[in-house]
Amino acid sequence: MAKVTESLEEFYKHKFEELSDNLSKAAGQFNVFRIEDLVRTGTSSPTYIRRDFYKIMLFQGNNVFHYSDKSIPVSGNTLLFFNPQVPYTYEPVIKGTKGYFCVFRDEFFQQNLRLNLGELPVFAAGSQPVFQLTEDENQVAQAIFGKIEKELNGDDNYKYELIRTYVSELIYTTMKLKPSENVFQHPDAGSRITAVFTELLERQFPIASTAQRFELRSPKVFAERLAVHVNYLNRSIKKTTGRTTTDHIFERLTSEAKALLKHTNWNIAEISYVLGFEDQAHFNNFFKKQTRLSPSAFRKV
């Protein structure tokens, strides 16, 4: 079954291939990062999924964020708030993008401050979590993130108390601002689901290593990832595109199979594995049904 929630520990493993030192400490439910550092290391953007932690991002650049049932284009200096109740993702971050983001769990604030994050407007279900900043507002947000980063890298015994204060300052300062109304409106909910389905499907490709594997292979798995019923997903895609969900998955799977057969020296068993088939026989049958050729015959054409 596909995962529907990413934990903070999994976030660290995905981003850095190891757990942060801070995560093993008593107050390790908090960390802050520079976006440009992740761009430089080629870290990928997250899949469309819920997380079990909160995130505040100061984003400086152009992008489109997919949040719940909305697609929100951002430009310039923007503050974004993400909560554990709503799945989200965003387009790949381009070179030159700057900013900060911090991640934390409820427990980080419950240690010393009786602050219910879920009751704050910026984290409430159904809220518009995007705030376009003026230059002055951006300087204030940058200064707060700068103080957070400085404290986190320091050795003061009370640094987490200060960080909680700075994060609270950022939240309450933002709550005085007007949320951005710059939302791309899909014609209907079905078009929105179809767009995110397509983005999720395409994000799995190209397969560049035998260590990769095509995981999202069925309508049911996609529906679980998108937090919708599989029947709703199938109806939406059929209505929007005139083709079934399975048609789209099989077409993309076949296209990638052809590319791997023509442009790699991997054996057919390896190609079968990375494309998610349990054994080579199943892959052979699938490929022949789609192309009327066996994988080995196609390779010779």
C-alpha atoms as a PDB file:
ATOM      1  CA  MET A   1       0.000   0.000   0.000  1.00  0.00           C
ATOM      2  CA  ALA A   2       1.265   3.483  -0.850  1.00  0.00           C
ATOM      3  CA  LYS A   3       2.193   5.732   2.007  1.00  0.00           C
ATOM      4  CA  VAL A   4      -0.206   8.566   2.753  1.00  0.00           C
ATOM      5  CA  THR A   5       1.902  10.339   5.408  1.00  0.00           C
ATOM      6  CA  GLU A   6       5.609  11.143   5.621  1.00  0.00           C
ATOM      7  CA  SER A   7       7.124  11.300   9.095  1.00  0.00           C
ATOM      8  CA  LEU A   8       9.739  13.826  10.172  1.00  0.00           C
ATOM      9  CA  GLU A   9      12.311  11.024  10.373  1.00  0.00           C
ATOM     10  CA  GLU A  10      11.506   9.978   6.792  1.00  0.00           C
ATOM     11  CA  PHE A  11      11.785  13.598   5.701  1.00  0.00           C
ATOM     12  CA  TYR A  12      15.359  13.726   7.033  1.00  0.00           C
ATOM     13  CA  LYS A  13      16.292  10.427   5.414  1.00  0.00           C
ATOM     14  CA  HIS A  14      14.827  11.548   2.079  1.00  0.00           C
ATOM     15  CA  LYS A  15      16.537  14.923   2.118  1.00  0.00           C
ATOM     16  CA  PHE A  16      19.879  14.026   3.655  1.00  0.00           C
ATOM     17  CA  GLU A  17      20.146  10.205   3.599  1.00  0.00           C
ATOM     18  CA  GLU A  18      20.600  10.275   7.364  1.00  0.00           C
ATOM     19  CA  LEU A  19      18.902  11.618  10.465  1.00  0.00           C
ATOM     20  CA  SER A  20      19.850  15.104  11.596  1.00  0.00           C
ATOM     21  CA  ASP A  21      21.934  15.293  14.772  1.00  0.00           C
ATOM     22  CA  ASN A  22      19.281  17.626  16.153  1.00  0.00           C
ATOM     23  CA  LEU A  23      16.598  14.973  15.768  1.00  0.00           C
ATOM     24  CA  SER A  24      18.281  12.748  18.334  1.00  0.00           C
ATOM     25  CA  LYS A  25      18.300  15.459  20.961  1.00  0.00           C
ATOM     26  CA  ALA A  26      15.553  16.236  23.472  1.00  0.00           C
ATOM     27  CA  ALA A  27      14.450  19.332  21.581  1.00  0.00           C
ATOM     28  CA  GLY A  28      15.147  17.778  18.202  1.00  0.00           C
ATOM     29  CA  GLN A  29      11.670  18.258  16.777  1.00  0.00           C
ATOM     30  CA  PHE A  30      12.848  21.477  15.111  1.00  0.00           C
ATOM     31  CA  ASN A  31      15.272  22.386  12.346  1.00  0.00           C
ATOM     32  CA  VAL A  32      15.821  25.166   9.806  1.00  0.00           C
ATOM     33  CA  PHE A  33      17.337  25.030   6.308  1.00  0.00           C
ATOM     34  CA  ARG A  34      18.316  27.355   3.475  1.00  0.00           C
ATOM     35  CA  ILE A  35      16.519  26.580   0.216  1.00  0.00           C
ATOM     36  CA  GLU A  36      19.598  27.434  -1.860  1.00  0.00           C
ATOM     37  CA  ASP A  37      21.582  24.724  -0.050  1.00  0.00           C
ATOM     38  CA  LEU A  38      19.046  22.109  -1.134  1.00  0.00           C
ATOM     39  CA  VAL A  39      18.992  23.466  -4.702  1.00  0.00           C
ATOM     40  CA  ARG A  40      22.782  23.189  -4.810  1.00  0.00           C
ATOM     41  CA  THR A  41      22.727  19.532  -3.715  1.00  0.00           C
ATOM     42  CA  GLY A  42      19.960  18.653  -6.178  1.00  0.00           C
ATOM     43  CA  THR A  43      17.473  17.595  -3.502  1.00  0.00           C
ATOM     44  CA  SER A  44      14.107  16.802  -5.066  1.00  0.00           C
ATOM     45  CA  SER A  45      10.836  18.439  -4.119  1.00  0.00           C
ATOM     46  CA  PRO A  46       8.380  16.423  -2.023  1.00  0.00           C
ATOM     47  CA  THR A  47       5.689  14.143  -3.385  1.00  0.00           C
ATOM     48  CA  TYR A  48       2.030  15.065  -3.003  1.00  0.00           C
ATOM     49  CA  ILE A  49       1.501  13.637   0.467  1.00  0.00           C
ATOM     50  CA  ARG A  50       0.664  14.611   4.035  1.00  0.00           C
ATOM     51  CA  ARG A  51       3.466  15.075   6.566  1.00  0.00           C
ATOM     52  CA  ASP A  52       3.266  14.523  10.312  1.00  0.00           C
ATOM     53  CA  PHE A  53       5.000  17.857  10.952  1.00  0.00           C
ATOM     54  CA  TYR A  54       4.513  21.572  10.338  1.00  0.00           C
ATOM     55  CA  LYS A  55       6.555  23.619   7.893  1.00  0.00           C
ATOM     56  CA  ILE A  56       7.008  27.378   7.476  1.00  0.00           C
ATOM     57  CA  MET A  57       8.745  28.481   4.275  1.00  0.00           C
ATOM     58  CA  LEU A  58      10.085  31.865   3.213  1.00  0.00           C
ATOM     59  CA  PHE A  59      10.293  31.414  -0.557  1.00  0.00           C
ATOM     60  CA  GLN A  60      12.111  33.864  -2.834  1.00  0.00           C
ATOM     61  CA  GLY A  61      11.477  33.017  -6.482  1.00  0.00           C
ATOM     62  CA  ASN A  62       8.816  31.700  -8.858  1.00  0.00           C
ATOM     63  CA  ASN A  63       7.000  28.397  -8.468  1.00  0.00           C
ATOM     64  CA  VAL A  64       3.618  26.679  -8.253  1.00  0.00           C
ATOM     65  CA  PHE A  65       2.567  25.064  -4.970  1.00  0.00           C
ATOM     66  CA  HIS A  66      -0.125  22.367  -5.009  1.00  0.00           C
ATOM     67  CA  TYR A  67      -1.889  22.527  -1.668  1.00  0.00           C
ATOM     68  CA  SER A  68      -5.008  20.485  -0.941  1.00  0.00           C
ATOM     69  CA  ASP A  69      -7.343  21.205  -3.889  1.00  0.00           C
ATOM     70  CA  LYS A  70      -5.575  24.402  -4.971  1.00  0.00           C
ATOM     71  CA  SER A  71      -2.656  25.252  -7.242  1.00  0.00           C
ATOM     72  CA  ILE A  72      -1.027  28.484  -6.064  1.00  0.00           C
ATOM     73  CA  PRO A  73       1.553  30.264  -8.236  1.00  0.00           C
ATOM     74  CA  VAL A  74       4.006  32.357  -6.221  1.00  0.00           C
ATOM     75  CA  SER A  75       6.360  35.068  -7.382  1.00  0.00           C
ATOM     76  CA  GLY A  76       8.860  37.166  -5.478  1.00  0.00           C
ATOM     77  CA  ASN A  77       8.928  36.984  -1.684  1.00  0.00           C
ATOM     78  CA  THR A  78       6.319  34.644  -0.202  1.00  0.00           C
ATOM     79  CA  LEU A  79       5.607  33.059   3.192  1.00  0.00           C
ATOM     80  CA  LEU A  80       3.906  29.657   3.138  1.00  0.00           C
ATOM     81  CA  PHE A  81       2.508  27.580   5.997  1.00  0.00           C
ATOM     82  CA  PHE A  82       1.952  23.819   5.763  1.00  0.00           C
ATOM     83  CA  ASN A  83       0.149  21.654   8.321  1.00  0.00           C
ATOM     84  CA  PRO A  84      -0.118  17.872   8.860  1.00  0.00           C
ATOM     85  CA  GLN A  85      -3.771  17.732   7.817  1.00  0.00           C
ATOM     86  CA  VAL A  86      -3.289  18.725   4.178  1.00  0.00           C
ATOM     87  CA  PRO A  87      -1.196  17.051   1.439  1.00  0.00           C
ATOM     88  CA  TYR A  88       1.014  19.321  -0.638  1.00  0.00           C
ATOM     89  CA  THR A  89       3.827  19.448  -3.151  1.00  0.00           C
ATOM     90  CA  TYR A  90       5.464  21.997  -5.419  1.00  0.00           C
ATOM     91  CA  GLU A  91       7.154  22.134  -8.797  1.00  0.00           C
ATOM     92  CA  PRO A  92      10.923  21.469  -8.983  1.00  0.00           C
ATOM     93  CA  VAL A  93      12.902  24.388  -7.551  1.00  0.00           C
ATOM     94  CA  ILE A  94      15.025  26.153 -10.144  1.00  0.00           C
ATOM     95  CA  LYS A  95      18.580  27.399  -9.701  1.00  0.00           C
ATOM     96  CA  GLY A  96      18.712  30.839  -8.122  1.00  0.00           C
ATOM     97  CA  THR A  97      15.772  30.259  -5.777  1.00  0.00           C
ATOM     98  CA  LYS A  98      16.498  31.396  -2.223  1.00  0.00           C
ATOM     99  CA  GLY A  99      14.902  31.446   1.195  1.00  0.00           C
ATOM    100  CA  TYR A 100      14.442  29.398   4.343  1.00  0.00           C
ATOM    101  CA  PHE A 101      12.144  26.771   5.730  1.00  0.00           C
ATOM    102  CA  CYS A 102      11.767  25.287   9.186  1.00  0.00           C
ATOM    103  CA  VAL A 103      10.116  22.018  10.228  1.00  0.00           C
ATOM    104  CA  PHE A 104       8.739  21.095  13.629  1.00  0.00           C
ATOM    105  CA  ARG A 105       6.169  18.968  15.407  1.00  0.00           C
ATOM    106  CA  ASP A 106       3.480  19.917  17.900  1.00  0.00           C
ATOM    107  CA  GLU A 107       5.699  18.653  20.694  1.00  0.00           C
ATOM    108  CA  PHE A 108       8.240  21.371  20.069  1.00  0.00           C
ATOM    109  CA  PHE A 109       5.783  24.025  21.227  1.00  0.00           C
ATOM    110  CA  GLN A 110       4.109  21.921  23.879  1.00  0.00           C
ATOM    111  CA  GLN A 111       7.337  21.595  25.835  1.00  0.00           C
ATOM    112  CA  ASN A 112       7.270  25.146  27.145  1.00  0.00           C
ATOM    113  CA  LEU A 113       4.421  27.034  25.471  1.00  0.00           C
ATOM    114  CA  ARG A 114       0.760  26.095  25.596  1.00  0.00           C
ATOM    115  CA  LEU A 115       0.232  26.890  21.933  1.00  0.00           C
ATOM    116  CA  ASN A 116      -2.291  24.866  19.906  1.00  0.00           C
ATOM    117  CA  LEU A 117      -0.906  25.167  16.397  1.00  0.00           C
ATOM    118  CA  GLY A 118      -4.002  23.662  14.795  1.00  0.00           C
ATOM    119  CA  GLU A 119      -6.158  26.508  16.125  1.00  0.00           C
ATOM    120  CA  LEU A 120      -4.039  29.259  14.554  1.00  0.00           C
ATOM    121  CA  PRO A 121      -5.500  30.711  11.329  1.00  0.00           C
ATOM    122  CA  VAL A 122      -2.326  30.108   9.302  1.00  0.00           C
ATOM    123  CA  PHE A 123      -2.475  26.370  10.084  1.00  0.00           C
ATOM    124  CA  ALA A 124      -6.251  25.887  10.224  1.00  0.00           C
ATOM    125  CA  ALA A 125      -7.968  23.461   7.850  1.00  0.00           C
ATOM    126  CA  GLY A 126      -9.283  25.290   4.798  1.00  0.00           C
ATOM    127  CA  SER A 127      -7.039  28.311   5.312  1.00  0.00           C
ATOM    128  CA  GLN A 128      -5.144  30.052   2.533  1.00  0.00           C
ATOM    129  CA  PRO A 129      -1.548  29.492   3.720  1.00  0.00           C
ATOM    130  CA  VAL A 130       0.231  31.807   1.269  1.00  0.00           C
ATOM    131  CA  PHE A 131       1.269  35.386   2.003  1.00  0.00           C
ATOM    132  CA  GLN A 132       2.841  37.654  -0.599  1.00  0.00           C
ATOM    133  CA  LEU A 133       5.341  39.952   1.133  1.00  0.00           C
ATOM    134  CA  THR A 134       6.353  43.537   0.481  1.00  0.00           C
ATOM    135  CA  GLU A 135      10.047  44.313   0.613  1.00  0.00           C
ATOM    136  CA  ASP A 136       9.739  45.587   4.192  1.00  0.00           C
ATOM    137  CA  GLU A 137       7.748  42.523   5.280  1.00  0.00           C
ATOM    138  CA  ASN A 138      10.284  40.252   3.620  1.00  0.00           C
ATOM    139  CA  GLN A 139      13.137  41.916   5.505  1.00  0.00           C
ATOM    140  CA  VAL A 140      11.306  41.296   8.783  1.00  0.00           C
ATOM    141  CA  ALA A 141      10.742  37.613   7.928  1.00  0.00           C
ATOM    142  CA  GLN A 142      14.348  37.203   6.779  1.00  0.00           C
ATOM    143  CA  ALA A 143      15.622  38.741  10.000  1.00  0.00           C
ATOM    144  CA  ILE A 144      13.538  36.315  12.089  1.00  0.00           C
ATOM    145  CA  PHE A 145      14.774  33.302  10.122  1.00  0.00           C
ATOM    146  CA  GLY A 146      18.312  34.631  10.461  1.00  0.00           C
ATOM    147  CA  LYS A 147      17.949  34.755  14.246  1.00  0.00           C
ATOM    148  CA  ILE A 148      16.498  31.236  14.266  1.00  0.00           C
ATOM    149  CA  GLU A 149      19.405  29.911  12.204  1.00  0.00           C
ATOM    150  CA  LYS A 150      21.969  31.655  14.423  1.00  0.00           C
ATOM    151  CA  GLU A 151      20.446  30.258  17.620  1.00  0.00           C
ATOM    152  CA  LEU A 152      20.142  26.746  16.216  1.00  0.00           C
ATOM    153  CA  ASN A 153      23.822  26.711  15.311  1.00  0.00           C
ATOM    154  CA  GLY A 154      24.846  28.043  18.718  1.00  0.00           C
ATOM    155  CA  ASP A 155      25.576  26.237  21.983  1.00  0.00           C
ATOM    156  CA  ASP A 156      23.381  28.219  24.354  1.00  0.00           C
ATOM    157  CA  ASN A 157      21.460  26.037  26.814  1.00  0.00           C
ATOM    158  CA  TYR A 158      18.286  28.055  26.254  1.00  0.00           C
ATOM    159  CA  LYS A 159      18.457  28.348  22.483  1.00  0.00           C
ATOM    160  CA  TYR A 160      15.266  26.341  21.885  1.00  0.00           C
ATOM    161  CA  GLU A 161      13.321  28.652  24.184  1.00  0.00           C
ATOM    162  CA  LEU A 162      14.502  31.574  22.058  1.00  0.00           C
ATOM    163  CA  ILE A 163      13.699  29.717  18.838  1.00  0.00           C
ATOM    164  CA  ARG A 164      10.149  29.048  20.034  1.00  0.00           C
ATOM    165  CA  THR A 165       9.798  32.764  20.677  1.00  0.00           C
ATOM    166  CA  TYR A 166      11.111  33.657  17.206  1.00  0.00           C
ATOM    167  CA  VAL A 167       8.803  31.163  15.475  1.00  0.00           C
ATOM    168  CA  SER A 168       5.859  32.545  17.456  1.00  0.00           C
ATOM    169  CA  GLU A 169       6.873  36.039  16.373  1.00  0.00           C
ATOM    170  CA  LEU A 170       6.913  34.903  12.746  1.00  0.00           C
ATOM    171  CA  ILE A 171       3.469  33.297  13.050  1.00  0.00           C
ATOM    172  CA  TYR A 172       1.779  36.202  14.819  1.00  0.00           C
ATOM    173  CA  THR A 173       3.404  38.790  12.560  1.00  0.00           C
ATOM    174  CA  THR A 174       2.104  36.909   9.518  1.00  0.00           C
ATOM    175  CA  MET A 175      -1.412  36.649  10.960  1.00  0.00           C
ATOM    176  CA  LYS A 176      -1.700  40.426  10.595  1.00  0.00           C
ATOM    177  CA  LEU A 177      -1.129  40.147   6.836  1.00  0.00           C
ATOM    178  CA  LYS A 178      -3.702  39.405   4.134  1.00  0.00           C
ATOM    179  CA  PRO A 179      -3.358  35.966   2.494  1.00  0.00           C
ATOM    180  CA  SER A 180      -2.538  35.890  -1.197  1.00  0.00           C
ATOM    181  CA  GLU A 181      -5.526  35.475  -3.512  1.00  0.00           C
ATOM    182  CA  ASN A 182      -3.345  34.381  -6.415  1.00  0.00           C
ATOM    183  CA  VAL A 183      -4.853  30.934  -6.936  1.00  0.00           C
ATOM    184  CA  PHE A 184      -4.975  29.135 -10.262  1.00  0.00           C
ATOM    185  CA  GLN A 185      -8.534  27.924 -10.634  1.00  0.00           C
ATOM    186  CA  HIS A 186      -8.918  24.618 -12.397  1.00  0.00           C
ATOM    187  CA  PRO A 187     -12.221  24.388 -14.283  1.00  0.00           C
ATOM    188  CA  ASP A 188     -13.486  21.857 -11.740  1.00  0.00           C
ATOM    189  CA  ALA A 189     -12.334  19.491  -9.008  1.00  0.00           C
ATOM    190  CA  GLY A 190     -11.907  16.659 -11.509  1.00  0.00           C
ATOM    191  CA  SER A 191      -9.453  18.709 -13.573  1.00  0.00           C
ATOM    192  CA  ARG A 192      -7.528  19.509 -10.402  1.00  0.00           C
ATOM    193  CA  ILE A 193      -7.246  15.819  -9.441  1.00  0.00           C
ATOM    194  CA  THR A 194      -6.228  14.917 -12.996  1.00  0.00           C
ATOM    195  CA  ALA A 195      -3.465  17.539 -12.969  1.00  0.00           C
ATOM    196  CA  VAL A 196      -2.005  16.282  -9.695  1.00  0.00           C
ATOM    197  CA  PHE A 197      -2.323  12.639 -10.820  1.00  0.00           C
ATOM    198  CA  THR A 198      -0.343  13.483 -13.970  1.00  0.00           C
ATOM    199  CA  GLU A 199       2.298  15.305 -11.927  1.00  0.00           C
ATOM    200  CA  LEU A 200       2.675  12.327  -9.577  1.00  0.00           C
ATOM    201  CA  LEU A 201       2.916   9.896 -12.484  1.00  0.00           C
ATOM    202  CA  GLU A 202       5.543  11.926 -14.329  1.00  0.00           C
ATOM    203  CA  ARG A 203       7.616  12.567 -11.204  1.00  0.00           C
ATOM    204  CA  GLN A 204       8.583   8.891 -11.095  1.00  0.00           C
ATOM    205  CA  PHE A 205      10.460   9.206 -14.387  1.00  0.00           C
ATOM    206  CA  PRO A 206      12.953   8.997 -15.916  1.00  0.00           C
ATOM    207  CA  ILE A 207      14.382   5.945 -14.177  1.00  0.00           C
ATOM    208  CA  ALA A 208      18.128   6.528 -14.143  1.00  0.00           C
ATOM    209  CA  SER A 209      19.371   3.741 -11.867  1.00  0.00           C
ATOM    210  CA  THR A 210      18.651   0.087 -11.172  1.00  0.00           C
ATOM    211  CA  ALA A 211      18.217   1.167  -7.551  1.00  0.00           C
ATOM    212  CA  GLN A 212      15.062   3.101  -8.508  1.00  0.00           C
ATOM    213  CA  ARG A 213      11.656   1.459  -8.769  1.00  0.00           C
ATOM    214  CA  PHE A 214       8.333   2.501 -10.254  1.00  0.00           C
ATOM    215  CA  GLU A 215       6.064   2.303  -7.189  1.00  0.00           C
ATOM    216  CA  LEU A 216       2.799   4.035  -8.110  1.00  0.00           C
ATOM    217  CA  ARG A 217       1.449   1.442 -10.533  1.00  0.00           C
ATOM    218  CA  SER A 218      -2.308   1.220  -9.965  1.00  0.00           C
ATOM    219  CA  PRO A 219      -5.308   3.566  -9.692  1.00  0.00           C
ATOM    220  CA  LYS A 220      -5.846   2.392  -6.107  1.00  0.00           C
ATOM    221  CA  VAL A 221      -2.307   3.368  -5.068  1.00  0.00           C
ATOM    222  CA  PHE A 222      -2.644   6.787  -6.716  1.00  0.00           C
ATOM    223  CA  ALA A 223      -6.009   7.345  -5.015  1.00  0.00           C
ATOM    224  CA  GLU A 224      -4.504   6.530  -1.609  1.00  0.00           C
ATOM    225  CA  ARG A 225      -1.666   8.988  -2.232  1.00  0.00           C
ATOM    226  CA  LEU A 226      -4.135  11.690  -3.299  1.00  0.00           C
ATOM    227  CA  ALA A 227      -6.467  10.956  -0.361  1.00  0.00           C
ATOM    228  CA  VAL A 228      -9.504  10.372  -2.612  1.00  0.00           C
ATOM    229  CA  HIS A 229     -11.651   7.316  -3.373  1.00  0.00           C
ATOM    230  CA  VAL A 230     -10.395   5.312  -6.342  1.00  0.00           C
ATOM    231  CA  ASN A 231     -13.805   5.530  -8.046  1.00  0.00           C
ATOM    232  CA  TYR A 232     -13.690   9.328  -7.831  1.00  0.00           C
ATOM    233  CA  LEU A 233     -10.174   9.369  -9.277  1.00  0.00           C
ATOM    234  CA  ASN A 234     -11.183   7.098 -12.156  1.00  0.00           C
ATOM    235  CA  ARG A 235     -14.313   9.125 -12.961  1.00  0.00           C
ATOM    236  CA  SER A 236     -12.394  12.416 -12.850  1.00  0.00           C
ATOM    237  CA  ILE A 237      -9.637  11.258 -15.179  1.00  0.00           C
ATOM    238  CA  LYS A 238     -12.060   9.611 -17.599  1.00  0.00           C
ATOM    239  CA  LYS A 239     -14.209  12.751 -17.729  1.00  0.00           C
ATOM    240  CA  THR A 240     -11.222  15.096 -18.127  1.00  0.00           C
ATOM    241  CA  THR A 241      -9.139  13.111 -20.616  1.00  0.00           C
ATOM    242  CA  GLY A 242     -11.509  10.598 -22.189  1.00  0.00           C
ATOM    243  CA  ARG A 243      -9.181   7.778 -21.125  1.00  0.00           C
ATOM    244  CA  THR A 244      -8.952   5.580 -18.052  1.00  0.00           C
ATOM    245  CA  THR A 245      -6.467   5.933 -15.217  1.00  0.00           C
ATOM    246  CA  THR A 246      -4.984   2.571 -16.153  1.00  0.00           C
ATOM    247  CA  ASP A 247      -4.570   3.710 -19.772  1.00  0.00           C
ATOM    248  CA  HIS A 248      -2.408   6.631 -18.614  1.00  0.00           C
ATOM    249  CA  ILE A 249      -0.307   4.464 -16.279  1.00  0.00           C
ATOM    250  CA  PHE A 250       0.239   1.726 -18.894  1.00  0.00           C
ATOM    251  CA  GLU A 251       1.107   4.224 -21.625  1.00  0.00           C
ATOM    252  CA  ARG A 252       3.765   5.902 -19.447  1.00  0.00           C
ATOM    253  CA  LEU A 253       5.069   2.535 -18.271  1.00  0.00           C
ATOM    254  CA  THR A 254       5.391   1.320 -21.857  1.00  0.00           C
ATOM    255  CA  SER A 255       7.145   4.510 -22.926  1.00  0.00           C
ATOM    256  CA  GLU A 256       9.723   4.148 -20.164  1.00  0.00           C
ATOM    257  CA  ALA A 257      10.193   0.455 -20.935  1.00  0.00           C
ATOM    258  CA  LYS A 258      10.970   1.305 -24.561  1.00  0.00           C
ATOM    259  CA  ALA A 259      13.481   3.961 -23.498  1.00  0.00           C
ATOM    260  CA  LEU A 260      15.261   1.593 -21.106  1.00  0.00           C
ATOM    261  CA  LEU A 261      15.393  -1.193 -23.678  1.00  0.00           C
ATOM    262  CA  LYS A 262      16.831   1.112 -26.355  1.00  0.00           C
ATOM    263  CA  HIS A 263      19.126   3.366 -24.338  1.00  0.00           C
ATOM    264  CA  THR A 264      20.545   1.237 -21.504  1.00  0.00           C
ATOM    265  CA  ASN A 265      22.553  -1.960 -21.359  1.00  0.00           C
ATOM    266  CA  TRP A 266      20.498  -3.276 -18.442  1.00  0.00           C
ATOM    267  CA  ASN A 267      19.305  -6.819 -18.856  1.00  0.00           C
ATOM    268  CA  ILE A 268      15.580  -7.457 -19.184  1.00  0.00           C
ATOM    269  CA  ALA A 269      15.326  -8.785 -15.642  1.00  0.00           C
ATOM    270  CA  GLU A 270      16.733  -5.495 -14.295  1.00  0.00           C
ATOM    271  CA  ILE A 271      14.335  -3.460 -16.443  1.00  0.00           C
ATOM    272  CA  SER A 272      11.468  -5.643 -15.266  1.00  0.00           C
ATOM    273  CA  TYR A 273      12.413  -4.962 -11.644  1.00  0.00           C
ATOM    274  CA  VAL A 274      12.781  -1.165 -11.888  1.00  0.00           C
ATOM    275  CA  LEU A 275       9.412  -0.943 -13.636  1.00  0.00           C
ATOM    276  CA  GLY A 276       7.783  -2.676 -10.673  1.00  0.00           C
ATOM    277  CA  PHE A 277       7.052  -6.110 -12.091  1.00  0.00           C
ATOM    278  CA  GLU A 278       7.369  -9.057  -9.732  1.00  0.00           C
ATOM    279  CA  ASP A 279       9.123 -11.185 -12.332  1.00  0.00           C
ATOM    280  CA  GLN A 280      10.368 -11.019 -15.900  1.00  0.00           C
ATOM    281  CA  ALA A 281       7.529 -13.154 -17.256  1.00  0.00           C
ATOM    282  CA  HIS A 282       4.926 -10.599 -16.146  1.00  0.00           C
ATOM    283  CA  PHE A 283       6.926  -7.821 -17.797  1.00  0.00           C
ATOM    284  CA  ASN A 284       7.276  -9.815 -21.022  1.00  0.00           C
ATOM    285  CA  ASN A 285       3.513 -10.423 -21.160  1.00  0.00           C
ATOM    286  CA  PHE A 286       2.716  -6.769 -20.415  1.00  0.00           C
ATOM    287  CA  PHE A 287       5.144  -5.399 -23.004  1.00  0.00           C
ATOM    288  CA  LYS A 288       4.006  -7.798 -25.730  1.00  0.00           C
ATOM    289  CA  LYS A 289       0.353  -6.924 -25.082  1.00  0.00           C
ATOM    290  CA  GLN A 290       1.142  -3.195 -25.400  1.00  0.00           C
ATOM    291  CA  THR A 291       3.507  -3.331 -28.395  1.00  0.00           C
ATOM    292  CA  ARG A 292       2.973  -6.755 -30.039  1.00  0.00           C
ATOM    293  CA  LEU A 293       6.686  -7.394 -29.581  1.00  0.00           C
ATOM    294  CA  SER A 294       8.605  -9.105 -26.821  1.00  0.00           C
ATOM    295  CA  PRO A 295      11.172  -6.947 -24.982  1.00  0.00           C
ATOM    296  CA  SER A 296      14.070  -8.815 -26.593  1.00  0.00           C
ATOM    297  CA  ALA A 297      12.537  -8.483 -30.077  1.00  0.00           C
ATOM    298  CA  PHE A 298      11.929  -4.760 -29.562  1.00  0.00           C
ATOM    299  CA  ARG A 299      15.561  -4.315 -28.528  1.00  0.00           C
ATOM    300  CA  LYS A 300      16.704  -5.753 -31.847  1.00  0.00           C
ATOM    301  CA  VAL A 301      14.484  -3.517 -33.993  1.00  0.00           C
END
